[in-house]
Amino acid sequence: LADPDRRRTSASVVLRSVLAHGPVARSTIARLTGLSPASVTDHCARLARLGLIREAAVPRQSGGVGRPHVPVDVDDSRFLVGAVHVAVPYTTVALLDLRGRVVAERRLKHAGTEPARVLARAGD
């Protein structure tokens, strides 16, 4: 992979780890993904600047010496994802947060079966 592709892939791996295990310490992400701690820290900083993750409010105590671990988690307060499911009797249009939880949902009964009209109505 070229360097930009590798960076994108690694960032994706970090984001998926945060989604699956968050709130999670960066050191745990490094252990889970096999990426270096420095690489994980870099990717977390980039993902935080994009508004995709945030530091958790309360640092976890590591039980050891040194700074407490500050876990990161998905920031599900900034972005929504649109979803459309077209079924035979109706279309469901929904907004989901970054964890996949439904924030808003609407069912639209089809007035006809012409695909362009069904999709146009879903877009409204």
PDB file of N, CA and C in Angstrom:
ATOM      1  N   LEU A   1       0.834  -1.193   0.000  1.00  0.00           N
ATOM      2  CA  LEU A   1       0.000   0.000   0.000  1.00  0.00           C
ATOM      3  C   LEU A   1       0.874   1.250   0.000  1.00  0.00           C
ATOM      4  N   ALA A   2       0.436   2.238  -0.707  1.00  0.00           N
ATOM      5  CA  ALA A   2       1.125   3.532  -0.678  1.00  0.00           C
ATOM      6  C   ALA A   2       0.916   4.162   0.698  1.00  0.00           C
ATOM      7  N   ASP A   3       1.776   5.087   1.071  1.00  0.00           N
ATOM      8  CA  ASP A   3       1.730   5.689   2.398  1.00  0.00           C
ATOM      9  C   ASP A   3       0.368   6.289   2.753  1.00  0.00           C
ATOM     10  N   PRO A   4      -0.277   7.105   1.879  1.00  0.00           N
ATOM     11  CA  PRO A   4      -1.601   7.638   2.226  1.00  0.00           C
ATOM     12  C   PRO A   4      -2.641   6.531   2.409  1.00  0.00           C
ATOM     13  N   ASP A   5      -2.552   5.471   1.601  1.00  0.00           N
ATOM     14  CA  ASP A   5      -3.492   4.358   1.744  1.00  0.00           C
ATOM     15  C   ASP A   5      -3.268   3.631   3.066  1.00  0.00           C
ATOM     16  N   ARG A   6      -2.018   3.429   3.425  1.00  0.00           N
ATOM     17  CA  ARG A   6      -1.699   2.759   4.688  1.00  0.00           C
ATOM     18  C   ARG A   6      -2.193   3.600   5.860  1.00  0.00           C
ATOM     19  N   ARG A   7      -2.008   4.909   5.771  1.00  0.00           N
ATOM     20  CA  ARG A   7      -2.450   5.798   6.850  1.00  0.00           C
ATOM     21  C   ARG A   7      -3.972   5.739   6.996  1.00  0.00           C
ATOM     22  N   ARG A   8      -4.688   5.750   5.863  1.00  0.00           N
ATOM     23  CA  ARG A   8      -6.151   5.660   5.900  1.00  0.00           C
ATOM     24  C   ARG A   8      -6.595   4.330   6.502  1.00  0.00           C
ATOM     25  N   THR A   9      -5.948   3.245   6.083  1.00  0.00           N
ATOM     26  CA  THR A   9      -6.302   1.924   6.594  1.00  0.00           C
ATOM     27  C   THR A   9      -6.048   1.845   8.093  1.00  0.00           C
ATOM     28  N   SER A  10      -4.915   2.353   8.550  1.00  0.00           N
ATOM     29  CA  SER A  10      -4.597   2.338   9.982  1.00  0.00           C
ATOM     30  C   SER A  10      -5.585   3.185  10.771  1.00  0.00           C
ATOM     31  N   ALA A  11      -5.957   4.336  10.250  1.00  0.00           N
ATOM     32  CA  ALA A  11      -6.945   5.189  10.922  1.00  0.00           C
ATOM     33  C   ALA A  11      -8.278   4.464  11.028  1.00  0.00           C
ATOM     34  N   SER A  12      -8.642   3.744   9.988  1.00  0.00           N
ATOM     35  CA  SER A  12      -9.883   2.972  10.000  1.00  0.00           C
ATOM     36  C   SER A  12      -9.837   1.877  11.060  1.00  0.00           C
ATOM     37  N   VAL A  13      -8.694   1.224  11.189  1.00  0.00           N
ATOM     38  CA  VAL A  13      -8.520   0.176  12.204  1.00  0.00           C
ATOM     39  C   VAL A  13      -8.651   0.777  13.604  1.00  0.00           C
ATOM     40  N   VAL A  14      -8.060   1.935  13.815  1.00  0.00           N
ATOM     41  CA  VAL A  14      -8.155   2.609  15.113  1.00  0.00           C
ATOM     42  C   VAL A  14      -9.604   2.987  15.400  1.00  0.00           C
ATOM     43  N   LEU A  15     -10.291   3.574  14.427  1.00  0.00           N
ATOM     44  CA  LEU A  15     -11.683   3.979  14.632  1.00  0.00           C
ATOM     45  C   LEU A  15     -12.568   2.772  14.932  1.00  0.00           C
ATOM     46  N   ARG A  16     -12.374   1.679  14.209  1.00  0.00           N
ATOM     47  CA  ARG A  16     -13.167   0.469  14.476  1.00  0.00           C
ATOM     48  C   ARG A  16     -12.887  -0.076  15.878  1.00  0.00           C
ATOM     49  N   SER A  17     -11.651   0.013  16.332  1.00  0.00           N
ATOM     50  CA  SER A  17     -11.311  -0.443  17.684  1.00  0.00           C
ATOM     51  C   SER A  17     -12.001   0.410  18.740  1.00  0.00           C
ATOM     52  N   VAL A  18     -12.020   1.714  18.517  1.00  0.00           N
ATOM     53  CA  VAL A  18     -12.699   2.613  19.456  1.00  0.00           C
ATOM     54  C   VAL A  18     -14.193   2.315  19.460  1.00  0.00           C
ATOM     55  N   LEU A  19     -14.764   2.092  18.308  1.00  0.00           N
ATOM     56  CA  LEU A  19     -16.192   1.782  18.224  1.00  0.00           C
ATOM     57  C   LEU A  19     -16.513   0.474  18.944  1.00  0.00           C
ATOM     58  N   ALA A  20     -15.683  -0.529  18.762  1.00  0.00           N
ATOM     59  CA  ALA A  20     -15.939  -1.843  19.356  1.00  0.00           C
ATOM     60  C   ALA A  20     -15.640  -1.895  20.853  1.00  0.00           C
ATOM     61  N   HIS A  21     -14.633  -1.145  21.320  1.00  0.00           N
ATOM     62  CA  HIS A  21     -14.168  -1.305  22.694  1.00  0.00           C
ATOM     63  C   HIS A  21     -14.286  -0.050  23.550  1.00  0.00           C
ATOM     64  N   GLY A  22     -14.709   1.065  22.964  1.00  0.00           N
ATOM     65  CA  GLY A  22     -14.696   2.329  23.680  1.00  0.00           C
ATOM     66  C   GLY A  22     -15.670   2.400  24.830  1.00  0.00           C
ATOM     67  N   PRO A  23     -15.383   3.235  25.817  1.00  0.00           N
ATOM     68  CA  PRO A  23     -14.155   4.002  25.936  1.00  0.00           C
ATOM     69  C   PRO A  23     -12.956   3.078  26.174  1.00  0.00           C
ATOM     70  N   VAL A  24     -11.861   3.399  25.513  1.00  0.00           N
ATOM     71  CA  VAL A  24     -10.690   2.525  25.527  1.00  0.00           C
ATOM     72  C   VAL A  24      -9.414   3.367  25.529  1.00  0.00           C
ATOM     73  N   ALA A  25      -8.430   2.916  26.284  1.00  0.00           N
ATOM     74  CA  ALA A  25      -7.142   3.620  26.351  1.00  0.00           C
ATOM     75  C   ALA A  25      -6.375   3.426  25.051  1.00  0.00           C
ATOM     76  N   ARG A  26      -5.589   4.419  24.698  1.00  0.00           N
ATOM     77  CA  ARG A  26      -4.773   4.329  23.481  1.00  0.00           C
ATOM     78  C   ARG A  26      -3.816   3.132  23.537  1.00  0.00           C
ATOM     79  N   SER A  27      -3.290   2.851  24.722  1.00  0.00           N
ATOM     80  CA  SER A  27      -2.376   1.707  24.858  1.00  0.00           C
ATOM     81  C   SER A  27      -3.090   0.392  24.560  1.00  0.00           C
ATOM     82  N   THR A  28      -4.357   0.313  24.914  1.00  0.00           N
ATOM     83  CA  THR A  28      -5.144  -0.888  24.610  1.00  0.00           C
ATOM     84  C   THR A  28      -5.391  -0.989  23.115  1.00  0.00           C
ATOM     85  N   ILE A  29      -5.654   0.145  22.471  1.00  0.00           N
ATOM     86  CA  ILE A  29      -5.838   0.147  21.011  1.00  0.00           C
ATOM     87  C   ILE A  29      -4.562  -0.353  20.339  1.00  0.00           C
ATOM     88  N   ALA A  30      -3.419   0.107  20.812  1.00  0.00           N
ATOM     89  CA  ALA A  30      -2.140  -0.334  20.239  1.00  0.00           C
ATOM     90  C   ALA A  30      -1.989  -1.845  20.390  1.00  0.00           C
ATOM     91  N   ARG A  31      -2.337  -2.363  21.557  1.00  0.00           N
ATOM     92  CA  ARG A  31      -2.226  -3.805  21.789  1.00  0.00           C
ATOM     93  C   ARG A  31      -3.196  -4.581  20.905  1.00  0.00           C
ATOM     94  N   LEU A  32      -4.424  -4.084  20.776  1.00  0.00           N
ATOM     95  CA  LEU A  32      -5.448  -4.772  19.977  1.00  0.00           C
ATOM     96  C   LEU A  32      -5.138  -4.761  18.482  1.00  0.00           C
ATOM     97  N   THR A  33      -4.559  -3.670  18.008  1.00  0.00           N
ATOM     98  CA  THR A  33      -4.367  -3.498  16.561  1.00  0.00           C
ATOM     99  C   THR A  33      -2.976  -3.870  16.074  1.00  0.00           C
ATOM    100  N   GLY A  34      -2.017  -3.918  16.983  1.00  0.00           N
ATOM    101  CA  GLY A  34      -0.645  -4.175  16.563  1.00  0.00           C
ATOM    102  C   GLY A  34       0.068  -2.934  16.050  1.00  0.00           C
ATOM    103  N   LEU A  35      -0.593  -1.784  16.104  1.00  0.00           N
ATOM    104  CA  LEU A  35       0.042  -0.523  15.713  1.00  0.00           C
ATOM    105  C   LEU A  35       0.904  -0.019  16.864  1.00  0.00           C
ATOM    106  N   SER A  36       1.866   0.803  16.545  1.00  0.00           N
ATOM    107  CA  SER A  36       2.719   1.363  17.598  1.00  0.00           C
ATOM    108  C   SER A  36       1.916   2.369  18.419  1.00  0.00           C
ATOM    109  N   PRO A  37       2.265   2.536  19.707  1.00  0.00           N
ATOM    110  CA  PRO A  37       1.577   3.544  20.520  1.00  0.00           C
ATOM    111  C   PRO A  37       1.640   4.941  19.896  1.00  0.00           C
ATOM    112  N   ALA A  38       2.775   5.303  19.302  1.00  0.00           N
ATOM    113  CA  ALA A  38       2.899   6.621  18.661  1.00  0.00           C
ATOM    114  C   ALA A  38       1.939   6.748  17.488  1.00  0.00           C
ATOM    115  N   SER A  39       1.804   5.696  16.699  1.00  0.00           N
ATOM    116  CA  SER A  39       0.887   5.711  15.559  1.00  0.00           C
ATOM    117  C   SER A  39      -0.557   5.838  16.032  1.00  0.00           C
ATOM    118  N   VAL A  40      -0.905   5.104  17.086  1.00  0.00           N
ATOM    119  CA  VAL A  40      -2.266   5.180  17.633  1.00  0.00           C
ATOM    120  C   VAL A  40      -2.543   6.589  18.141  1.00  0.00           C
ATOM    121  N   THR A  41      -1.594   7.184  18.846  1.00  0.00           N
ATOM    122  CA  THR A  41      -1.766   8.548  19.350  1.00  0.00           C
ATOM    123  C   THR A  41      -1.971   9.526  18.197  1.00  0.00           C
ATOM    124  N   ASP A  42      -1.187   9.381  17.132  1.00  0.00           N
ATOM    125  CA  ASP A  42      -1.315  10.240  15.955  1.00  0.00           C
ATOM    126  C   ASP A  42      -2.691  10.081  15.309  1.00  0.00           C
ATOM    127  N   HIS A  43      -3.120   8.846  15.122  1.00  0.00           N
ATOM    128  CA  HIS A  43      -4.432   8.616  14.501  1.00  0.00           C
ATOM    129  C   HIS A  43      -5.564   9.129  15.389  1.00  0.00           C
ATOM    130  N   CYS A  44      -5.448   8.934  16.693  1.00  0.00           N
ATOM    131  CA  CYS A  44      -6.478   9.435  17.607  1.00  0.00           C
ATOM    132  C   CYS A  44      -6.573  10.960  17.542  1.00  0.00           C
ATOM    133  N   ALA A  45      -5.435  11.632  17.454  1.00  0.00           N
ATOM    134  CA  ALA A  45      -5.443  13.096  17.348  1.00  0.00           C
ATOM    135  C   ALA A  45      -6.134  13.529  16.061  1.00  0.00           C
ATOM    136  N   ARG A  46      -5.846  12.855  14.959  1.00  0.00           N
ATOM    137  CA  ARG A  46      -6.487  13.194  13.677  1.00  0.00           C
ATOM    138  C   ARG A  46      -7.991  12.931  13.730  1.00  0.00           C
ATOM    139  N   LEU A  47      -8.377  11.782  14.281  1.00  0.00           N
ATOM    140  CA  LEU A  47      -9.800  11.443  14.378  1.00  0.00           C
ATOM    141  C   LEU A  47     -10.538  12.412  15.301  1.00  0.00           C
ATOM    142  N   ALA A  48      -9.862  12.874  16.351  1.00  0.00           N
ATOM    143  CA  ALA A  48     -10.469  13.858  17.254  1.00  0.00           C
ATOM    144  C   ALA A  48     -10.655  15.196  16.545  1.00  0.00           C
ATOM    145  N   ARG A  49      -9.656  15.610  15.751  1.00  0.00           N
ATOM    146  CA  ARG A  49      -9.794  16.868  14.996  1.00  0.00           C
ATOM    147  C   ARG A  49     -10.951  16.792  14.006  1.00  0.00           C
ATOM    148  N   LEU A  50     -11.217  15.616  13.477  1.00  0.00           N
ATOM    149  CA  LEU A  50     -12.340  15.433  12.548  1.00  0.00           C
ATOM    150  C   LEU A  50     -13.677  15.331  13.275  1.00  0.00           C
ATOM    151  N   GLY A  51     -13.645  15.247  14.604  1.00  0.00           N
ATOM    152  CA  GLY A  51     -14.871  15.151  15.382  1.00  0.00           C
ATOM    153  C   GLY A  51     -15.443  13.748  15.454  1.00  0.00           C
ATOM    154  N   LEU A  52     -14.641  12.740  15.144  1.00  0.00           N
ATOM    155  CA  LEU A  52     -15.134  11.363  15.154  1.00  0.00           C
ATOM    156  C   LEU A  52     -14.942  10.676  16.502  1.00  0.00           C
ATOM    157  N   ILE A  53     -13.910  11.073  17.250  1.00  0.00           N
ATOM    158  CA  ILE A  53     -13.704  10.533  18.591  1.00  0.00           C
ATOM    159  C   ILE A  53     -13.415  11.684  19.541  1.00  0.00           C
ATOM    160  N   ARG A  54     -13.510  11.396  20.836  1.00  0.00           N
ATOM    161  CA  ARG A  54     -13.216  12.397  21.865  1.00  0.00           C
ATOM    162  C   ARG A  54     -12.612  11.681  23.067  1.00  0.00           C
ATOM    163  N   GLU A  55     -11.933  12.427  23.890  1.00  0.00           N
ATOM    164  CA  GLU A  55     -11.437  11.851  25.132  1.00  0.00           C
ATOM    165  C   GLU A  55     -12.605  11.706  26.088  1.00  0.00           C
ATOM    166  N   ALA A  56     -12.636  10.597  26.809  1.00  0.00           N
ATOM    167  CA  ALA A  56     -13.696  10.369  27.792  1.00  0.00           C
ATOM    168  C   ALA A  56     -13.526  11.361  28.933  1.00  0.00           C
ATOM    169  N   ALA A  57     -14.616  11.653  29.605  1.00  0.00           N
ATOM    170  CA  ALA A  57     -14.612  12.687  30.636  1.00  0.00           C
ATOM    171  C   ALA A  57     -13.734  12.333  31.833  1.00  0.00           C
ATOM    172  N   VAL A  58     -13.738  11.082  32.251  1.00  0.00           N
ATOM    173  CA  VAL A  58     -13.018  10.689  33.458  1.00  0.00           C
ATOM    174  C   VAL A  58     -11.891   9.732  33.098  1.00  0.00           C
ATOM    175  N   PRO A  59     -10.647  10.114  33.412  1.00  0.00           N
ATOM    176  CA  PRO A  59      -9.539   9.187  33.131  1.00  0.00           C
ATOM    177  C   PRO A  59      -9.666   7.917  33.959  1.00  0.00           C
ATOM    178  N   ARG A  60      -9.285   6.801  33.362  1.00  0.00           N
ATOM    179  CA  ARG A  60      -9.269   5.535  34.092  1.00  0.00           C
ATOM    180  C   ARG A  60      -7.965   5.446  34.874  1.00  0.00           C
ATOM    181  N   GLN A  61      -8.070   4.953  36.080  1.00  0.00           N
ATOM    182  CA  GLN A  61      -6.864   4.725  36.878  1.00  0.00           C
ATOM    183  C   GLN A  61      -6.216   3.437  36.401  1.00  0.00           C
ATOM    184  N   SER A  62      -4.945   3.510  36.108  1.00  0.00           N
ATOM    185  CA  SER A  62      -4.241   2.343  35.585  1.00  0.00           C
ATOM    186  C   SER A  62      -3.795   1.406  36.690  1.00  0.00           C
ATOM    187  N   GLY A  63      -3.782   1.871  37.932  1.00  0.00           N
ATOM    188  CA  GLY A  63      -3.326   1.042  39.032  1.00  0.00           C
ATOM    189  C   GLY A  63      -1.814   1.046  39.179  1.00  0.00           C
ATOM    190  N   GLY A  64      -1.138   1.680  38.255  1.00  0.00           N
ATOM    191  CA  GLY A  64       0.323   1.719  38.295  1.00  0.00           C
ATOM    192  C   GLY A  64       0.815   3.131  38.485  1.00  0.00           C
ATOM    193  N   VAL A  65       2.079   3.302  38.204  1.00  0.00           N
ATOM    194  CA  VAL A  65       2.663   4.630  38.308  1.00  0.00           C
ATOM    195  C   VAL A  65       2.498   5.349  36.983  1.00  0.00           C
ATOM    196  N   GLY A  66       2.704   6.658  37.020  1.00  0.00           N
ATOM    197  CA  GLY A  66       2.598   7.435  35.793  1.00  0.00           C
ATOM    198  C   GLY A  66       1.227   8.063  35.638  1.00  0.00           C
ATOM    199  N   ARG A  67       1.062   8.664  34.483  1.00  0.00           N
ATOM    200  CA  ARG A  67      -0.203   9.344  34.210  1.00  0.00           C
ATOM    201  C   ARG A  67      -1.338   8.337  34.071  1.00  0.00           C
ATOM    202  N   PRO A  68      -2.547   8.717  34.510  1.00  0.00           N
ATOM    203  CA  PRO A  68      -3.683   7.814  34.305  1.00  0.00           C
ATOM    204  C   PRO A  68      -4.026   7.733  32.816  1.00  0.00           C
ATOM    205  N   HIS A  69      -4.541   6.606  32.409  1.00  0.00           N
ATOM    206  CA  HIS A  69      -4.971   6.452  31.020  1.00  0.00           C
ATOM    207  C   HIS A  69      -6.202   7.306  30.781  1.00  0.00           C
ATOM    208  N   VAL A  70      -6.195   8.060  29.702  1.00  0.00           N
ATOM    209  CA  VAL A  70      -7.358   8.852  29.310  1.00  0.00           C
ATOM    210  C   VAL A  70      -7.987   8.130  28.129  1.00  0.00           C
ATOM    211  N   PRO A  71      -9.101   7.444  28.362  1.00  0.00           N
ATOM    212  CA  PRO A  71      -9.696   6.675  27.272  1.00  0.00           C
ATOM    213  C   PRO A  71     -10.314   7.577  26.208  1.00  0.00           C
ATOM    214  N   VAL A  72     -10.398   7.041  25.016  1.00  0.00           N
ATOM    215  CA  VAL A  72     -11.086   7.728  23.925  1.00  0.00           C
ATOM    216  C   VAL A  72     -12.348   6.948  23.594  1.00  0.00           C
ATOM    217  N   ASP A  73     -13.317   7.656  23.050  1.00  0.00           N
ATOM    218  CA  ASP A  73     -14.589   7.040  22.691  1.00  0.00           C
ATOM    219  C   ASP A  73     -15.122   7.720  21.435  1.00  0.00           C
ATOM    220  N   VAL A  74     -16.059   7.084  20.799  1.00  0.00           N
ATOM    221  CA  VAL A  74     -16.701   7.656  19.618  1.00  0.00           C
ATOM    222  C   VAL A  74     -17.472   8.897  20.047  1.00  0.00           C
ATOM    223  N   ASP A  75     -17.333   9.981  19.307  1.00  0.00           N
ATOM    224  CA  ASP A  75     -18.111  11.190  19.567  1.00  0.00           C
ATOM    225  C   ASP A  75     -19.383  11.085  18.741  1.00  0.00           C
ATOM    226  N   ASP A  76     -20.432  10.594  19.390  1.00  0.00           N
ATOM    227  CA  ASP A  76     -21.688  10.370  18.671  1.00  0.00           C
ATOM    228  C   ASP A  76     -22.615  11.582  18.722  1.00  0.00           C
ATOM    229  N   SER A  77     -22.078  12.741  19.109  1.00  0.00           N
ATOM    230  CA  SER A  77     -22.911  13.938  19.236  1.00  0.00           C
ATOM    231  C   SER A  77     -22.814  14.880  18.040  1.00  0.00           C
ATOM    232  N   ARG A  78     -21.884  14.635  17.112  1.00  0.00           N
ATOM    233  CA  ARG A  78     -21.637  15.620  16.055  1.00  0.00           C
ATOM    234  C   ARG A  78     -22.170  15.254  14.686  1.00  0.00           C
ATOM    235  N   PHE A  79     -22.130  13.989  14.346  1.00  0.00           N
ATOM    236  CA  PHE A  79     -22.494  13.584  12.992  1.00  0.00           C
ATOM    237  C   PHE A  79     -23.626  12.574  13.015  1.00  0.00           C
ATOM    238  N   LEU A  80     -24.401  12.586  11.948  1.00  0.00           N
ATOM    239  CA  LEU A  80     -25.455  11.595  11.743  1.00  0.00           C
ATOM    240  C   LEU A  80     -25.250  10.947  10.383  1.00  0.00           C
ATOM    241  N   VAL A  81     -25.742   9.746  10.263  1.00  0.00           N
ATOM    242  CA  VAL A  81     -25.672   8.997   9.017  1.00  0.00           C
ATOM    243  C   VAL A  81     -27.099   8.773   8.543  1.00  0.00           C
ATOM    244  N   GLY A  82     -27.344   9.011   7.263  1.00  0.00           N
ATOM    245  CA  GLY A  82     -28.666   8.765   6.697  1.00  0.00           C
ATOM    246  C   GLY A  82     -28.767   7.354   6.162  1.00  0.00           C
ATOM    247  N   ALA A  83     -29.925   6.744   6.335  1.00  0.00           N
ATOM    248  CA  ALA A  83     -30.152   5.385   5.847  1.00  0.00           C
ATOM    249  C   ALA A  83     -31.522   5.309   5.191  1.00  0.00           C
ATOM    250  N   VAL A  84     -31.598   4.552   4.117  1.00  0.00           N
ATOM    251  CA  VAL A  84     -32.866   4.357   3.403  1.00  0.00           C
ATOM    252  C   VAL A  84     -33.030   2.868   3.153  1.00  0.00           C
ATOM    253  N   HIS A  85     -34.183   2.333   3.545  1.00  0.00           N
ATOM    254  CA  HIS A  85     -34.510   0.933   3.264  1.00  0.00           C
ATOM    255  C   HIS A  85     -35.798   0.918   2.452  1.00  0.00           C
ATOM    256  N   VAL A  86     -35.690   0.445   1.219  1.00  0.00           N
ATOM    257  CA  VAL A  86     -36.860   0.377   0.339  1.00  0.00           C
ATOM    258  C   VAL A  86     -37.411  -1.039   0.415  1.00  0.00           C
ATOM    259  N   ALA A  87     -38.649  -1.165   0.865  1.00  0.00           N
ATOM    260  CA  ALA A  87     -39.345  -2.448   0.926  1.00  0.00           C
ATOM    261  C   ALA A  87     -40.556  -2.370   0.001  1.00  0.00           C
ATOM    262  N   VAL A  88     -41.290  -3.457  -0.108  1.00  0.00           N
ATOM    263  CA  VAL A  88     -42.421  -3.478  -1.045  1.00  0.00           C
ATOM    264  C   VAL A  88     -43.520  -2.495  -0.650  1.00  0.00           C
ATOM    265  N   PRO A  89     -44.029  -2.516   0.587  1.00  0.00           N
ATOM    266  CA  PRO A  89     -45.147  -1.614   0.884  1.00  0.00           C
ATOM    267  C   PRO A  89     -44.740  -0.199   1.282  1.00  0.00           C
ATOM    268  N   TYR A  90     -43.505  -0.026   1.734  1.00  0.00           N
ATOM    269  CA  TYR A  90     -43.094   1.287   2.236  1.00  0.00           C
ATOM    270  C   TYR A  90     -41.576   1.422   2.190  1.00  0.00           C
ATOM    271  N   THR A  91     -41.126   2.661   2.359  1.00  0.00           N
ATOM    272  CA  THR A  91     -39.702   2.964   2.481  1.00  0.00           C
ATOM    273  C   THR A  91     -39.470   3.518   3.877  1.00  0.00           C
ATOM    274  N   THR A  92     -38.413   3.073   4.517  1.00  0.00           N
ATOM    275  CA  THR A  92     -38.033   3.604   5.820  1.00  0.00           C
ATOM    276  C   THR A  92     -36.805   4.492   5.626  1.00  0.00           C
ATOM    277  N   VAL A  93     -36.899   5.706   6.119  1.00  0.00           N
ATOM    278  CA  VAL A  93     -35.794   6.659   6.089  1.00  0.00           C
ATOM    279  C   VAL A  93     -35.413   6.923   7.541  1.00  0.00           C
ATOM    280  N   ALA A  94     -34.121   6.855   7.848  1.00  0.00           N
ATOM    281  CA  ALA A  94     -33.701   7.027   9.237  1.00  0.00           C
ATOM    282  C   ALA A  94     -32.403   7.817   9.319  1.00  0.00           C
ATOM    283  N   LEU A  95     -32.204   8.427  10.465  1.00  0.00           N
ATOM    284  CA  LEU A  95     -30.936   9.055  10.825  1.00  0.00           C
ATOM    285  C   LEU A  95     -30.366   8.268  11.995  1.00  0.00           C
ATOM    286  N   LEU A  96     -29.078   7.932  11.906  1.00  0.00           N
ATOM    287  CA  LEU A  96     -28.416   7.165  12.946  1.00  0.00           C
ATOM    288  C   LEU A  96     -27.182   7.915  13.427  1.00  0.00           C
ATOM    289  N   ASP A  97     -26.853   7.729  14.711  1.00  0.00           N
ATOM    290  CA  ASP A  97     -25.603   8.310  15.195  1.00  0.00           C
ATOM    291  C   ASP A  97     -24.450   7.392  14.794  1.00  0.00           C
ATOM    292  N   LEU A  98     -23.239   7.755  15.142  1.00  0.00           N
ATOM    293  CA  LEU A  98     -22.076   6.986  14.700  1.00  0.00           C
ATOM    294  C   LEU A  98     -21.969   5.611  15.351  1.00  0.00           C
ATOM    295  N   ARG A  99     -22.784   5.352  16.358  1.00  0.00           N
ATOM    296  CA  ARG A  99     -22.841   4.017  16.956  1.00  0.00           C
ATOM    297  C   ARG A  99     -23.907   3.144  16.287  1.00  0.00           C
ATOM    298  N   GLY A 100     -24.640   3.733  15.348  1.00  0.00           N
ATOM    299  CA  GLY A 100     -25.677   2.980  14.658  1.00  0.00           C
ATOM    300  C   GLY A 100     -27.024   3.016  15.352  1.00  0.00           C
ATOM    301  N   ARG A 101     -27.178   3.879  16.354  1.00  0.00           N
ATOM    302  CA  ARG A 101     -28.462   3.999  17.054  1.00  0.00           C
ATOM    303  C   ARG A 101     -29.372   4.939  16.275  1.00  0.00           C
ATOM    304  N   VAL A 102     -30.628   4.544  16.144  1.00  0.00           N
ATOM    305  CA  VAL A 102     -31.604   5.336  15.404  1.00  0.00           C
ATOM    306  C   VAL A 102     -31.958   6.578  16.214  1.00  0.00           C
ATOM    307  N   VAL A 103     -31.773   7.745  15.594  1.00  0.00           N
ATOM    308  CA  VAL A 103     -32.094   9.024  16.218  1.00  0.00           C
ATOM    309  C   VAL A 103     -33.471   9.490  15.760  1.00  0.00           C
ATOM    310  N   ALA A 104     -33.776   9.260  14.495  1.00  0.00           N
ATOM    311  CA  ALA A 104     -35.079   9.626  13.926  1.00  0.00           C
ATOM    312  C   ALA A 104     -35.404   8.627  12.824  1.00  0.00           C
ATOM    313  N   GLU A 105     -36.697   8.357  12.679  1.00  0.00           N
ATOM    314  CA  GLU A 105     -37.118   7.380  11.675  1.00  0.00           C
ATOM    315  C   GLU A 105     -38.488   7.772  11.134  1.00  0.00           C
ATOM    316  N   ARG A 106     -38.660   7.525   9.851  1.00  0.00           N
ATOM    317  CA  ARG A 106     -39.947   7.828   9.223  1.00  0.00           C
ATOM    318  C   ARG A 106     -40.251   6.751   8.187  1.00  0.00           C
ATOM    319  N   ARG A 107     -41.489   6.267   8.188  1.00  0.00           N
ATOM    320  CA  ARG A 107     -41.932   5.289   7.185  1.00  0.00           C
ATOM    321  C   ARG A 107     -42.837   5.989   6.190  1.00  0.00           C
ATOM    322  N   LEU A 108     -42.561   5.733   4.926  1.00  0.00           N
ATOM    323  CA  LEU A 108     -43.327   6.359   3.853  1.00  0.00           C
ATOM    324  C   LEU A 108     -43.997   5.267   3.029  1.00  0.00           C
ATOM    325  N   LYS A 109     -45.308   5.265   3.032  1.00  0.00           N
ATOM    326  CA  LYS A 109     -46.045   4.288   2.231  1.00  0.00           C
ATOM    327  C   LYS A 109     -45.918   4.679   0.767  1.00  0.00           C
ATOM    328  N   HIS A 110     -45.695   3.687  -0.080  1.00  0.00           N
ATOM    329  CA  HIS A 110     -45.540   3.952  -1.508  1.00  0.00           C
ATOM    330  C   HIS A 110     -46.873   4.335  -2.147  1.00  0.00           C
ATOM    331  N   ALA A 111     -46.827   5.384  -2.966  1.00  0.00           N
ATOM    332  CA  ALA A 111     -48.008   5.791  -3.730  1.00  0.00           C
ATOM    333  C   ALA A 111     -48.070   5.031  -5.045  1.00  0.00           C
ATOM    334  N   GLY A 112     -46.953   4.472  -5.467  1.00  0.00           N
ATOM    335  CA  GLY A 112     -46.871   3.713  -6.707  1.00  0.00           C
ATOM    336  C   GLY A 112     -45.644   2.832  -6.664  1.00  0.00           C
ATOM    337  N   THR A 113     -45.345   2.208  -7.798  1.00  0.00           N
ATOM    338  CA  THR A 113     -44.205   1.286  -7.820  1.00  0.00           C
ATOM    339  C   THR A 113     -43.072   1.751  -8.733  1.00  0.00           C
ATOM    340  N   GLU A 114     -43.200   2.930  -9.304  1.00  0.00           N
ATOM    341  CA  GLU A 114     -42.150   3.438 -10.182  1.00  0.00           C
ATOM    342  C   GLU A 114     -40.916   3.796  -9.339  1.00  0.00           C
ATOM    343  N   PRO A 115     -39.761   3.161  -9.616  1.00  0.00           N
ATOM    344  CA  PRO A 115     -38.574   3.363  -8.776  1.00  0.00           C
ATOM    345  C   PRO A 115     -38.164   4.828  -8.604  1.00  0.00           C
ATOM    346  N   ALA A 116     -38.215   5.609  -9.658  1.00  0.00           N
ATOM    347  CA  ALA A 116     -37.796   7.008  -9.564  1.00  0.00           C
ATOM    348  C   ALA A 116     -38.681   7.782  -8.590  1.00  0.00           C
ATOM    349  N   ARG A 117     -39.975   7.512  -8.603  1.00  0.00           N
ATOM    350  CA  ARG A 117     -40.896   8.206  -7.685  1.00  0.00           C
ATOM    351  C   ARG A 117     -40.673   7.770  -6.243  1.00  0.00           C
ATOM    352  N   VAL A 118     -40.434   6.464  -6.059  1.00  0.00           N
ATOM    353  CA  VAL A 118     -40.198   5.945  -4.712  1.00  0.00           C
ATOM    354  C   VAL A 118     -38.943   6.591  -4.115  1.00  0.00           C
ATOM    355  N   LEU A 119     -37.872   6.647  -4.903  1.00  0.00           N
ATOM    356  CA  LEU A 119     -36.630   7.245  -4.411  1.00  0.00           C
ATOM    357  C   LEU A 119     -36.749   8.753  -4.226  1.00  0.00           C
ATOM    358  N   ALA A 120     -37.462   9.415  -5.112  1.00  0.00           N
ATOM    359  CA  ALA A 120     -37.660  10.861  -4.980  1.00  0.00           C
ATOM    360  C   ALA A 120     -38.407  11.177  -3.689  1.00  0.00           C
ATOM    361  N   ARG A 121     -39.398  10.368  -3.363  1.00  0.00           N
ATOM    362  CA  ARG A 121     -40.162  10.595  -2.134  1.00  0.00           C
ATOM    363  C   ARG A 121     -39.281  10.367  -0.909  1.00  0.00           C
ATOM    364  N   ALA A 122     -38.424   9.361  -0.974  1.00  0.00           N
ATOM    365  CA  ALA A 122     -37.517   9.096   0.146  1.00  0.00           C
ATOM    366  C   ALA A 122     -36.562  10.272   0.348  1.00  0.00           C
ATOM    367  N   GLY A 123     -36.164  10.920  -0.739  1.00  0.00           N
ATOM    368  CA  GLY A 123     -35.264  12.065  -0.663  1.00  0.00           C
ATOM    369  C   GLY A 123     -35.910  13.312  -0.100  1.00  0.00           C
ATOM    370  N   ASP A 124     -37.222  13.379  -0.174  1.00  0.00           N
ATOM    371  CA  ASP A 124     -37.934  14.537   0.375  1.00  0.00           C
ATOM    372  C   ASP A 124     -37.921  14.459   1.875  1.00  0.00           C
TER     373      ASP A 124
END
